[in-house]
Amino acid sequence: MMENSSAVIVLALEKYAQYIDHDIENYNRDLNNVMKVFTLIAVTFLPQTVIGSLFGMNVVVPMAGIDNLYPFWAIIAVTGFFSLMAIVYFRHLKYI
């Protein structure tokens, strides 16, 4: 009688351990998906951050003497191009 009840307890503990393992796997999968999204956002906006940081320094800004907005739009186009290339690359790798 004692062996039968201990076998039931062991089976119950194994079933509980499987349940916990399953929950941990689900949590890890969800966490990986969140980290993937944050990484994609960070890499996509990296060119804008770098360009903005460079132009935000207290130094002489290239093309500052030009009276039109062509340099501004050129910088926006270049950073947009790099961001678009990052998105295309991630789509090619089937991350998004």
Protein backbone atom coordinates (compact mmCIF):
# COMPACT_ATOMS: atom_id res chain seq x y z
CA MET A 1 0.00 0.00 0.00
CA MET A 2 2.83 2.36 0.86
CA GLU A 3 4.62 1.72 -2.46
CA ASN A 4 1.49 2.51 -4.43
CA SER A 5 0.95 5.87 -2.73
CA SER A 6 4.61 6.85 -3.16
CA ALA A 7 4.41 5.98 -6.86
CA VAL A 8 1.37 8.24 -7.20
CA ILE A 9 3.23 11.06 -5.45
CA VAL A 10 6.25 10.61 -7.73
CA LEU A 11 4.01 10.69 -10.81
CA ALA A 12 2.25 13.79 -9.51
CA LEU A 13 5.59 15.53 -8.92
CA GLU A 14 6.79 14.62 -12.42
CA LYS A 15 3.56 15.93 -13.93
CA TYR A 16 3.93 19.16 -11.94
CA ALA A 17 7.55 19.50 -13.09
CA GLN A 18 6.42 19.10 -16.71
CA TYR A 19 3.77 21.76 -16.17
CA ILE A 20 6.37 24.16 -14.75
CA ASP A 21 8.77 23.41 -17.62
CA HIS A 22 6.02 24.14 -20.12
CA ASP A 23 5.25 27.47 -18.45
CA ILE A 24 8.94 28.42 -18.45
CA GLU A 25 9.22 27.56 -22.16
CA ASN A 26 6.21 29.76 -22.94
CA TYR A 27 7.65 32.61 -20.90
CA ASN A 28 11.03 32.31 -22.65
CA ARG A 29 9.38 32.25 -26.09
CA ASP A 30 7.38 35.39 -25.28
CA LEU A 31 10.47 37.11 -23.89
CA ASN A 32 12.46 36.23 -27.02
CA ASN A 33 9.74 37.72 -29.21
CA VAL A 34 9.73 40.95 -27.20
CA MET A 35 13.52 41.18 -27.35
CA LYS A 36 13.42 40.58 -31.11
CA VAL A 37 10.99 43.47 -31.58
CA PHE A 38 13.07 45.80 -29.40
CA THR A 39 16.22 44.84 -31.30
CA LEU A 40 14.57 45.51 -34.65
CA ILE A 41 13.37 48.92 -33.46
CA ALA A 42 16.79 49.82 -32.07
CA VAL A 43 18.66 48.80 -35.22
CA THR A 44 16.14 50.54 -37.46
CA PHE A 45 16.52 53.87 -35.65
CA LEU A 46 20.29 53.61 -35.14
CA PRO A 47 21.24 55.70 -38.22
CA GLN A 48 18.99 58.58 -37.13
CA THR A 49 20.49 58.46 -33.65
CA VAL A 50 24.06 58.53 -34.94
CA ILE A 51 23.45 61.36 -37.39
CA GLY A 52 21.49 63.36 -34.82
CA SER A 53 24.24 62.86 -32.26
CA LEU A 54 26.93 64.00 -34.67
CA PHE A 55 25.03 67.13 -35.67
CA GLY A 56 24.10 67.86 -32.06
CA MET A 57 27.71 68.33 -30.95
CA ASN A 58 29.11 71.78 -30.32
CA VAL A 59 31.29 71.83 -33.41
CA VAL A 60 31.13 73.45 -36.82
CA VAL A 61 28.30 71.83 -38.72
CA PRO A 62 28.96 70.93 -42.35
CA MET A 63 26.71 72.75 -44.83
CA ALA A 64 25.60 75.26 -42.16
CA GLY A 65 26.15 78.24 -44.45
CA ILE A 66 23.72 77.04 -47.12
CA ASP A 67 20.46 79.01 -47.07
CA ASN A 68 18.15 76.28 -48.35
CA LEU A 69 16.90 72.99 -46.95
CA TYR A 70 18.65 70.66 -49.41
CA PRO A 71 21.28 69.51 -46.88
CA PHE A 72 18.56 68.76 -44.32
CA TRP A 73 16.58 66.68 -46.78
CA ALA A 74 19.77 64.94 -47.95
CA ILE A 75 20.53 63.91 -44.37
CA ILE A 76 16.94 62.72 -43.88
CA ALA A 77 17.14 60.74 -47.14
CA VAL A 78 20.43 59.08 -46.19
CA THR A 79 19.26 58.06 -42.72
CA GLY A 80 15.92 56.93 -44.14
CA PHE A 81 17.77 54.85 -46.72
CA PHE A 82 19.84 53.13 -44.05
CA SER A 83 16.75 52.44 -41.96
CA LEU A 84 14.94 51.06 -44.99
CA MET A 85 17.93 48.83 -45.77
CA ALA A 86 17.86 47.50 -42.21
CA ILE A 87 14.17 46.65 -42.59
CA VAL A 88 14.78 44.98 -45.96
CA TYR A 89 17.64 42.99 -44.46
CA PHE A 90 15.49 41.81 -41.57
CA ARG A 91 12.72 40.83 -43.96
CA HIS A 92 15.25 38.91 -46.04
CA LEU A 93 16.28 36.99 -42.91
CA LYS A 94 12.54 36.47 -42.15
CA TYR A 95 12.77 38.15 -38.76
CA ILE A 96 9.73 40.28 -39.61
